[in-house]
Amino acid sequence: EVQVVESGGGLVQAGGSLRLSCQASGFTFDDYAIGWFRQAPGKEREGISCIASNDDSLDYADSVKGRFTISRDNAKNTVYLQMNSLKPEDTAVYYCAVDCRGRRTLSGSYYLALSSGYWGQGTQVTVSS
């Protein structure tokens, strides 16, 4: 059974940092790309980034580029999202998804293509101004 559990969310002031963790099990972790997306109330889901085991070049949504960093530790079946210089507009529920691919539209917008339909319950991140 595939299980995906996000953790690390919380309340932080603008300019602060948080590190989210995503622990997954029930499949061969090394074989799959894992990614993060977020959803704020009343807004569409927004892909943030996706990382495979052999990724040496990572892409991010423009809204977080330069502030967020995705990484993975295959020995721990865990993917991380380090979030720095947080802004109130980063407030959302953050989800971790299995089997993703980061893509860009012809107009250059980043999005996360999800193939498995497996993601966790999410972790709330609230950034106060």
N, C-alpha and C. Protein backbone atom coordinates (compact mmCIF):
# COMPACT_ATOMS: atom_id res chain seq x y z
N GLU A 1 0.84 -1.19 0.00
CA GLU A 1 0.00 0.00 0.00
C GLU A 1 0.88 1.25 0.00
N VAL A 2 0.61 2.12 -0.94
CA VAL A 2 1.37 3.37 -1.02
C VAL A 2 0.90 4.33 0.07
N GLN A 3 1.86 4.84 0.80
CA GLN A 3 1.56 5.85 1.83
C GLN A 3 2.48 7.04 1.64
N VAL A 4 1.90 8.21 1.76
CA VAL A 4 2.65 9.46 1.61
C VAL A 4 2.26 10.36 2.78
N VAL A 5 3.25 10.80 3.53
CA VAL A 5 2.97 11.61 4.71
C VAL A 5 3.84 12.86 4.69
N GLU A 6 3.18 14.01 4.68
CA GLU A 6 3.90 15.29 4.72
C GLU A 6 3.95 15.79 6.17
N SER A 7 5.00 16.51 6.48
CA SER A 7 5.13 17.11 7.80
C SER A 7 6.02 18.35 7.71
N GLY A 8 6.03 19.12 8.79
CA GLY A 8 6.92 20.27 8.86
C GLY A 8 6.27 21.62 8.67
N GLY A 9 4.99 21.62 8.37
CA GLY A 9 4.30 22.89 8.20
C GLY A 9 4.13 23.63 9.52
N GLY A 10 3.64 24.84 9.43
CA GLY A 10 3.41 25.62 10.65
C GLY A 10 3.19 27.08 10.32
N LEU A 11 3.24 27.87 11.38
CA LEU A 11 3.06 29.32 11.27
C LEU A 11 4.43 29.98 11.37
N VAL A 12 4.73 30.85 10.43
CA VAL A 12 6.02 31.52 10.41
C VAL A 12 5.82 32.96 9.94
N GLN A 13 6.67 33.84 10.41
CA GLN A 13 6.60 35.23 9.97
C GLN A 13 7.21 35.39 8.59
N ALA A 14 6.78 36.38 7.88
CA ALA A 14 7.36 36.68 6.57
C ALA A 14 8.87 36.84 6.71
N GLY A 15 9.58 36.27 5.76
CA GLY A 15 11.04 36.28 5.80
C GLY A 15 11.63 35.07 6.47
N GLY A 16 10.81 34.29 7.13
CA GLY A 16 11.29 33.11 7.83
C GLY A 16 11.44 31.91 6.92
N SER A 17 11.78 30.78 7.56
CA SER A 17 12.05 29.55 6.82
C SER A 17 11.30 28.37 7.44
N LEU A 18 11.02 27.40 6.63
CA LEU A 18 10.47 26.12 7.07
C LEU A 18 11.06 25.03 6.17
N ARG A 19 11.16 23.83 6.73
CA ARG A 19 11.55 22.69 5.91
C ARG A 19 10.45 21.64 6.01
N LEU A 20 9.86 21.34 4.88
CA LEU A 20 8.84 20.30 4.81
C LEU A 20 9.50 18.96 4.48
N SER A 21 8.90 17.92 5.03
CA SER A 21 9.37 16.56 4.76
C SER A 21 8.23 15.74 4.19
N CYS A 22 8.59 14.83 3.31
CA CYS A 22 7.62 13.91 2.72
C CYS A 22 8.20 12.51 2.81
N GLN A 23 7.58 11.69 3.61
CA GLN A 23 8.03 10.30 3.75
C GLN A 23 7.04 9.41 3.03
N ALA A 24 7.57 8.57 2.14
CA ALA A 24 6.71 7.73 1.33
C ALA A 24 7.13 6.27 1.46
N SER A 25 6.16 5.37 1.30
CA SER A 25 6.44 3.94 1.40
C SER A 25 5.45 3.17 0.56
N GLY A 26 5.74 1.87 0.42
CA GLY A 26 4.83 1.02 -0.33
C GLY A 26 5.19 0.86 -1.80
N PHE A 27 6.34 1.38 -2.18
CA PHE A 27 6.81 1.26 -3.56
C PHE A 27 8.33 1.43 -3.54
N THR A 28 8.98 1.17 -4.66
CA THR A 28 10.43 1.32 -4.74
C THR A 28 10.74 2.79 -4.90
N PHE A 29 11.08 3.41 -3.80
CA PHE A 29 11.20 4.86 -3.73
C PHE A 29 12.16 5.42 -4.76
N ASP A 30 13.31 4.74 -4.92
CA ASP A 30 14.34 5.26 -5.83
C ASP A 30 13.87 5.39 -7.27
N ASP A 31 12.86 4.61 -7.64
CA ASP A 31 12.44 4.53 -9.04
C ASP A 31 11.51 5.65 -9.47
N TYR A 32 11.05 6.45 -8.51
CA TYR A 32 10.01 7.42 -8.83
C TYR A 32 10.42 8.85 -8.48
N ALA A 33 10.01 9.75 -9.34
CA ALA A 33 10.16 11.17 -9.05
C ALA A 33 9.08 11.57 -8.06
N ILE A 34 9.47 12.41 -7.12
CA ILE A 34 8.56 12.89 -6.08
C ILE A 34 8.52 14.42 -6.18
N GLY A 35 7.35 14.97 -6.00
CA GLY A 35 7.24 16.42 -6.14
C GLY A 35 6.35 17.06 -5.10
N TRP A 36 6.35 18.37 -5.13
CA TRP A 36 5.51 19.15 -4.22
C TRP A 36 4.59 20.06 -5.03
N PHE A 37 3.36 20.16 -4.56
CA PHE A 37 2.47 21.18 -5.08
C PHE A 37 1.74 21.79 -3.89
N ARG A 38 1.09 22.90 -4.12
CA ARG A 38 0.38 23.57 -3.03
C ARG A 38 -0.98 24.08 -3.52
N GLN A 39 -1.84 24.29 -2.57
CA GLN A 39 -3.14 24.84 -2.91
C GLN A 39 -3.60 25.77 -1.80
N ALA A 40 -3.88 26.99 -2.18
CA ALA A 40 -4.40 27.98 -1.25
C ALA A 40 -5.91 28.06 -1.43
N PRO A 41 -6.62 28.49 -0.40
CA PRO A 41 -8.08 28.60 -0.49
C PRO A 41 -8.51 29.47 -1.67
N GLY A 42 -9.41 28.94 -2.47
CA GLY A 42 -9.93 29.71 -3.59
C GLY A 42 -9.01 29.81 -4.78
N LYS A 43 -7.87 29.14 -4.72
CA LYS A 43 -6.91 29.22 -5.83
C LYS A 43 -6.68 27.84 -6.44
N GLU A 44 -6.16 27.85 -7.65
CA GLU A 44 -5.85 26.59 -8.31
C GLU A 44 -4.60 25.96 -7.69
N ARG A 45 -4.52 24.65 -7.86
CA ARG A 45 -3.33 23.94 -7.43
C ARG A 45 -2.11 24.46 -8.20
N GLU A 46 -1.02 24.62 -7.50
CA GLU A 46 0.21 25.14 -8.12
C GLU A 46 1.36 24.16 -7.92
N GLY A 47 1.92 23.68 -8.99
CA GLY A 47 3.10 22.81 -8.90
C GLY A 47 4.30 23.61 -8.47
N ILE A 48 5.14 23.02 -7.62
CA ILE A 48 6.31 23.72 -7.11
C ILE A 48 7.59 23.14 -7.72
N SER A 49 7.79 21.85 -7.58
CA SER A 49 8.98 21.22 -8.13
C SER A 49 8.85 19.72 -8.06
N CYS A 50 9.74 19.03 -8.76
CA CYS A 50 9.72 17.58 -8.81
C CYS A 50 11.17 17.10 -8.90
N ILE A 51 11.49 16.00 -8.21
CA ILE A 51 12.86 15.53 -8.21
C ILE A 51 12.89 14.02 -8.38
N ALA A 52 13.71 13.57 -9.33
CA ALA A 52 13.95 12.15 -9.52
C ALA A 52 15.28 11.79 -8.86
N SER A 53 15.57 10.51 -8.80
CA SER A 53 16.80 10.06 -8.14
C SER A 53 18.05 10.56 -8.84
N ASN A 54 17.96 10.68 -10.17
CA ASN A 54 19.15 11.04 -10.95
C ASN A 54 19.09 12.46 -11.47
N ASP A 55 18.29 13.30 -10.84
CA ASP A 55 18.17 14.69 -11.31
C ASP A 55 19.40 15.50 -10.96
N ASP A 56 20.00 16.08 -11.96
CA ASP A 56 21.09 17.01 -11.69
C ASP A 56 20.71 18.43 -12.10
N SER A 57 19.53 18.58 -12.61
CA SER A 57 19.04 19.90 -12.99
C SER A 57 17.59 19.99 -12.58
N LEU A 58 17.29 20.90 -11.69
CA LEU A 58 15.95 21.00 -11.14
C LEU A 58 15.27 22.29 -11.59
N ASP A 59 13.98 22.20 -11.79
CA ASP A 59 13.21 23.37 -12.17
C ASP A 59 12.17 23.65 -11.09
N TYR A 60 11.77 24.88 -10.99
CA TYR A 60 10.82 25.30 -9.96
C TYR A 60 9.80 26.25 -10.57
N ALA A 61 8.67 26.33 -9.92
CA ALA A 61 7.71 27.37 -10.28
C ALA A 61 8.39 28.73 -10.12
N ASP A 62 8.07 29.64 -11.01
CA ASP A 62 8.70 30.96 -10.97
C ASP A 62 8.44 31.67 -9.65
N SER A 63 7.29 31.39 -9.05
CA SER A 63 6.92 32.07 -7.81
C SER A 63 7.82 31.69 -6.63
N VAL A 64 8.54 30.57 -6.74
CA VAL A 64 9.38 30.13 -5.62
C VAL A 64 10.85 30.00 -6.00
N LYS A 65 11.17 30.18 -7.25
CA LYS A 65 12.55 29.99 -7.71
C LYS A 65 13.48 30.93 -6.94
N GLY A 66 14.57 30.37 -6.47
CA GLY A 66 15.54 31.15 -5.71
C GLY A 66 15.27 31.17 -4.22
N ARG A 67 14.08 30.72 -3.83
CA ARG A 67 13.73 30.70 -2.41
C ARG A 67 13.51 29.28 -1.88
N PHE A 68 13.00 28.39 -2.71
CA PHE A 68 12.70 27.02 -2.30
C PHE A 68 13.72 26.08 -2.94
N THR A 69 14.05 25.01 -2.19
CA THR A 69 14.96 23.99 -2.71
C THR A 69 14.40 22.62 -2.39
N ILE A 70 14.29 21.79 -3.41
CA ILE A 70 13.83 20.42 -3.22
C ILE A 70 15.04 19.49 -3.17
N SER A 71 14.94 18.47 -2.33
CA SER A 71 16.02 17.48 -2.24
C SER A 71 15.43 16.16 -1.81
N ARG A 72 16.22 15.10 -1.93
CA ARG A 72 15.71 13.79 -1.51
C ARG A 72 16.82 12.98 -0.88
N ASP A 73 16.41 12.10 0.03
CA ASP A 73 17.32 11.16 0.69
C ASP A 73 16.71 9.78 0.48
N ASN A 74 17.21 9.07 -0.50
CA ASN A 74 16.63 7.76 -0.84
C ASN A 74 16.79 6.76 0.30
N ALA A 75 17.84 6.89 1.09
CA ALA A 75 18.05 5.98 2.21
C ALA A 75 16.94 6.12 3.25
N LYS A 76 16.33 7.28 3.30
CA LYS A 76 15.26 7.53 4.27
C LYS A 76 13.88 7.58 3.62
N ASN A 77 13.82 7.31 2.32
CA ASN A 77 12.54 7.40 1.59
C ASN A 77 11.86 8.74 1.84
N THR A 78 12.64 9.79 1.78
CA THR A 78 12.12 11.11 2.15
C THR A 78 12.55 12.16 1.13
N VAL A 79 11.62 13.05 0.84
CA VAL A 79 11.88 14.22 0.01
C VAL A 79 11.63 15.46 0.87
N TYR A 80 12.47 16.45 0.69
CA TYR A 80 12.38 17.67 1.49
C TYR A 80 12.07 18.87 0.60
N LEU A 81 11.47 19.87 1.22
CA LEU A 81 11.30 21.16 0.56
C LEU A 81 11.75 22.23 1.54
N GLN A 82 12.92 22.78 1.29
CA GLN A 82 13.43 23.87 2.10
C GLN A 82 12.86 25.18 1.57
N MET A 83 12.18 25.89 2.42
CA MET A 83 11.51 27.13 2.02
C MET A 83 12.10 28.29 2.80
N ASN A 84 12.74 29.19 2.09
CA ASN A 84 13.35 30.37 2.70
C ASN A 84 12.66 31.64 2.21
N SER A 85 12.91 32.72 2.92
CA SER A 85 12.34 34.02 2.54
C SER A 85 10.85 33.92 2.26
N LEU A 86 10.15 33.29 3.17
CA LEU A 86 8.72 33.05 2.97
C LEU A 86 7.93 34.33 2.92
N LYS A 87 6.88 34.31 2.10
CA LYS A 87 6.01 35.46 1.90
C LYS A 87 4.58 35.06 2.27
N PRO A 88 3.75 36.04 2.62
CA PRO A 88 2.35 35.70 2.92
C PRO A 88 1.66 34.94 1.78
N GLU A 89 2.04 35.21 0.55
CA GLU A 89 1.42 34.52 -0.58
C GLU A 89 1.85 33.06 -0.70
N ASP A 90 2.79 32.64 0.13
CA ASP A 90 3.16 31.22 0.17
C ASP A 90 2.22 30.42 1.06
N THR A 91 1.32 31.10 1.74
CA THR A 91 0.36 30.41 2.60
C THR A 91 -0.51 29.47 1.78
N ALA A 92 -0.52 28.20 2.17
CA ALA A 92 -1.25 27.17 1.43
C ALA A 92 -1.10 25.85 2.16
N VAL A 93 -1.85 24.86 1.69
CA VAL A 93 -1.60 23.48 2.09
C VAL A 93 -0.63 22.90 1.07
N TYR A 94 0.44 22.32 1.57
CA TYR A 94 1.48 21.77 0.72
C TYR A 94 1.35 20.24 0.67
N TYR A 95 1.37 19.72 -0.54
CA TYR A 95 1.20 18.29 -0.76
C TYR A 95 2.43 17.72 -1.46
N CYS A 96 2.70 16.47 -1.15
CA CYS A 96 3.78 15.73 -1.78
C CYS A 96 3.14 14.66 -2.67
N ALA A 97 3.63 14.52 -3.88
CA ALA A 97 3.03 13.60 -4.84
C ALA A 97 4.07 12.66 -5.42
N VAL A 98 3.61 11.44 -5.69
CA VAL A 98 4.49 10.42 -6.25
C VAL A 98 4.33 10.35 -7.76
N ASP A 99 5.43 10.18 -8.46
CA ASP A 99 5.44 9.97 -9.91
C ASP A 99 5.03 11.23 -10.64
N CYS A 100 5.89 12.19 -10.62
CA CYS A 100 5.61 13.49 -11.21
C CYS A 100 6.62 13.82 -12.29
N ARG A 101 6.29 14.84 -13.01
CA ARG A 101 7.23 15.39 -13.99
C ARG A 101 6.99 16.89 -14.06
N GLY A 102 8.03 17.65 -13.87
CA GLY A 102 7.91 19.08 -13.99
C GLY A 102 7.98 19.49 -15.45
N ARG A 103 7.05 20.31 -15.88
CA ARG A 103 7.00 20.73 -17.27
C ARG A 103 6.71 22.23 -17.34
N ARG A 104 6.87 22.77 -18.53
CA ARG A 104 6.49 24.16 -18.78
C ARG A 104 5.60 24.21 -20.01
N THR A 105 4.61 25.09 -19.92
CA THR A 105 3.75 25.31 -21.06
C THR A 105 4.51 26.11 -22.12
N LEU A 106 3.91 26.25 -23.29
CA LEU A 106 4.57 27.01 -24.35
C LEU A 106 4.78 28.47 -23.94
N SER A 107 3.93 28.94 -23.04
CA SER A 107 4.08 30.31 -22.57
C SER A 107 5.07 30.42 -21.41
N GLY A 108 5.59 29.28 -20.97
CA GLY A 108 6.65 29.28 -19.96
C GLY A 108 6.20 29.02 -18.54
N SER A 109 4.93 28.80 -18.34
CA SER A 109 4.44 28.55 -16.99
C SER A 109 4.79 27.13 -16.55
N TYR A 110 5.26 27.02 -15.31
CA TYR A 110 5.65 25.72 -14.76
C TYR A 110 4.41 24.99 -14.26
N TYR A 111 4.36 23.69 -14.48
CA TYR A 111 3.31 22.89 -13.87
C TYR A 111 3.84 21.49 -13.59
N LEU A 112 3.11 20.79 -12.73
CA LEU A 112 3.51 19.45 -12.31
C LEU A 112 2.55 18.46 -12.94
N ALA A 113 3.08 17.57 -13.78
CA ALA A 113 2.26 16.51 -14.35
C ALA A 113 2.33 15.32 -13.40
N LEU A 114 1.17 14.87 -12.92
CA LEU A 114 1.13 13.77 -11.96
C LEU A 114 0.59 12.53 -12.63
N SER A 115 1.30 11.42 -12.45
CA SER A 115 0.91 10.18 -13.13
C SER A 115 0.27 9.15 -12.20
N SER A 116 0.55 9.21 -10.91
CA SER A 116 0.13 8.11 -10.05
C SER A 116 -1.17 8.36 -9.32
N GLY A 117 -1.49 9.61 -9.06
CA GLY A 117 -2.67 9.87 -8.24
C GLY A 117 -2.43 9.68 -6.76
N TYR A 118 -1.16 9.47 -6.39
CA TYR A 118 -0.85 9.29 -4.97
C TYR A 118 -0.23 10.57 -4.41
N TRP A 119 -0.91 11.12 -3.41
CA TRP A 119 -0.33 12.21 -2.63
C TRP A 119 -0.87 12.14 -1.22
N GLY A 120 -0.27 12.91 -0.33
CA GLY A 120 -0.63 12.81 1.07
C GLY A 120 -1.77 13.72 1.45
N GLN A 121 -1.95 13.86 2.77
CA GLN A 121 -3.02 14.69 3.29
C GLN A 121 -2.66 16.16 3.30
N GLY A 122 -1.38 16.44 3.13
CA GLY A 122 -0.93 17.82 3.09
C GLY A 122 -0.52 18.35 4.45
N THR A 123 0.25 19.41 4.43
CA THR A 123 0.67 20.10 5.65
C THR A 123 0.46 21.59 5.44
N GLN A 124 -0.14 22.23 6.43
CA GLN A 124 -0.50 23.65 6.31
C GLN A 124 0.71 24.52 6.58
N VAL A 125 0.94 25.47 5.70
CA VAL A 125 1.95 26.50 5.90
C VAL A 125 1.25 27.85 5.91
N THR A 126 1.45 28.58 6.98
CA THR A 126 0.85 29.90 7.11
C THR A 126 1.95 30.92 7.36
N VAL A 127 2.02 31.93 6.51
CA VAL A 127 3.04 32.96 6.64
C VAL A 127 2.35 34.27 6.99
N SER A 128 2.71 34.79 8.14
CA SER A 128 2.09 36.05 8.60
C SER A 128 2.93 37.24 8.14
N SER A 129 2.23 38.35 7.90
CA SER A 129 2.94 39.56 7.44
C SER A 129 3.42 40.41 8.59
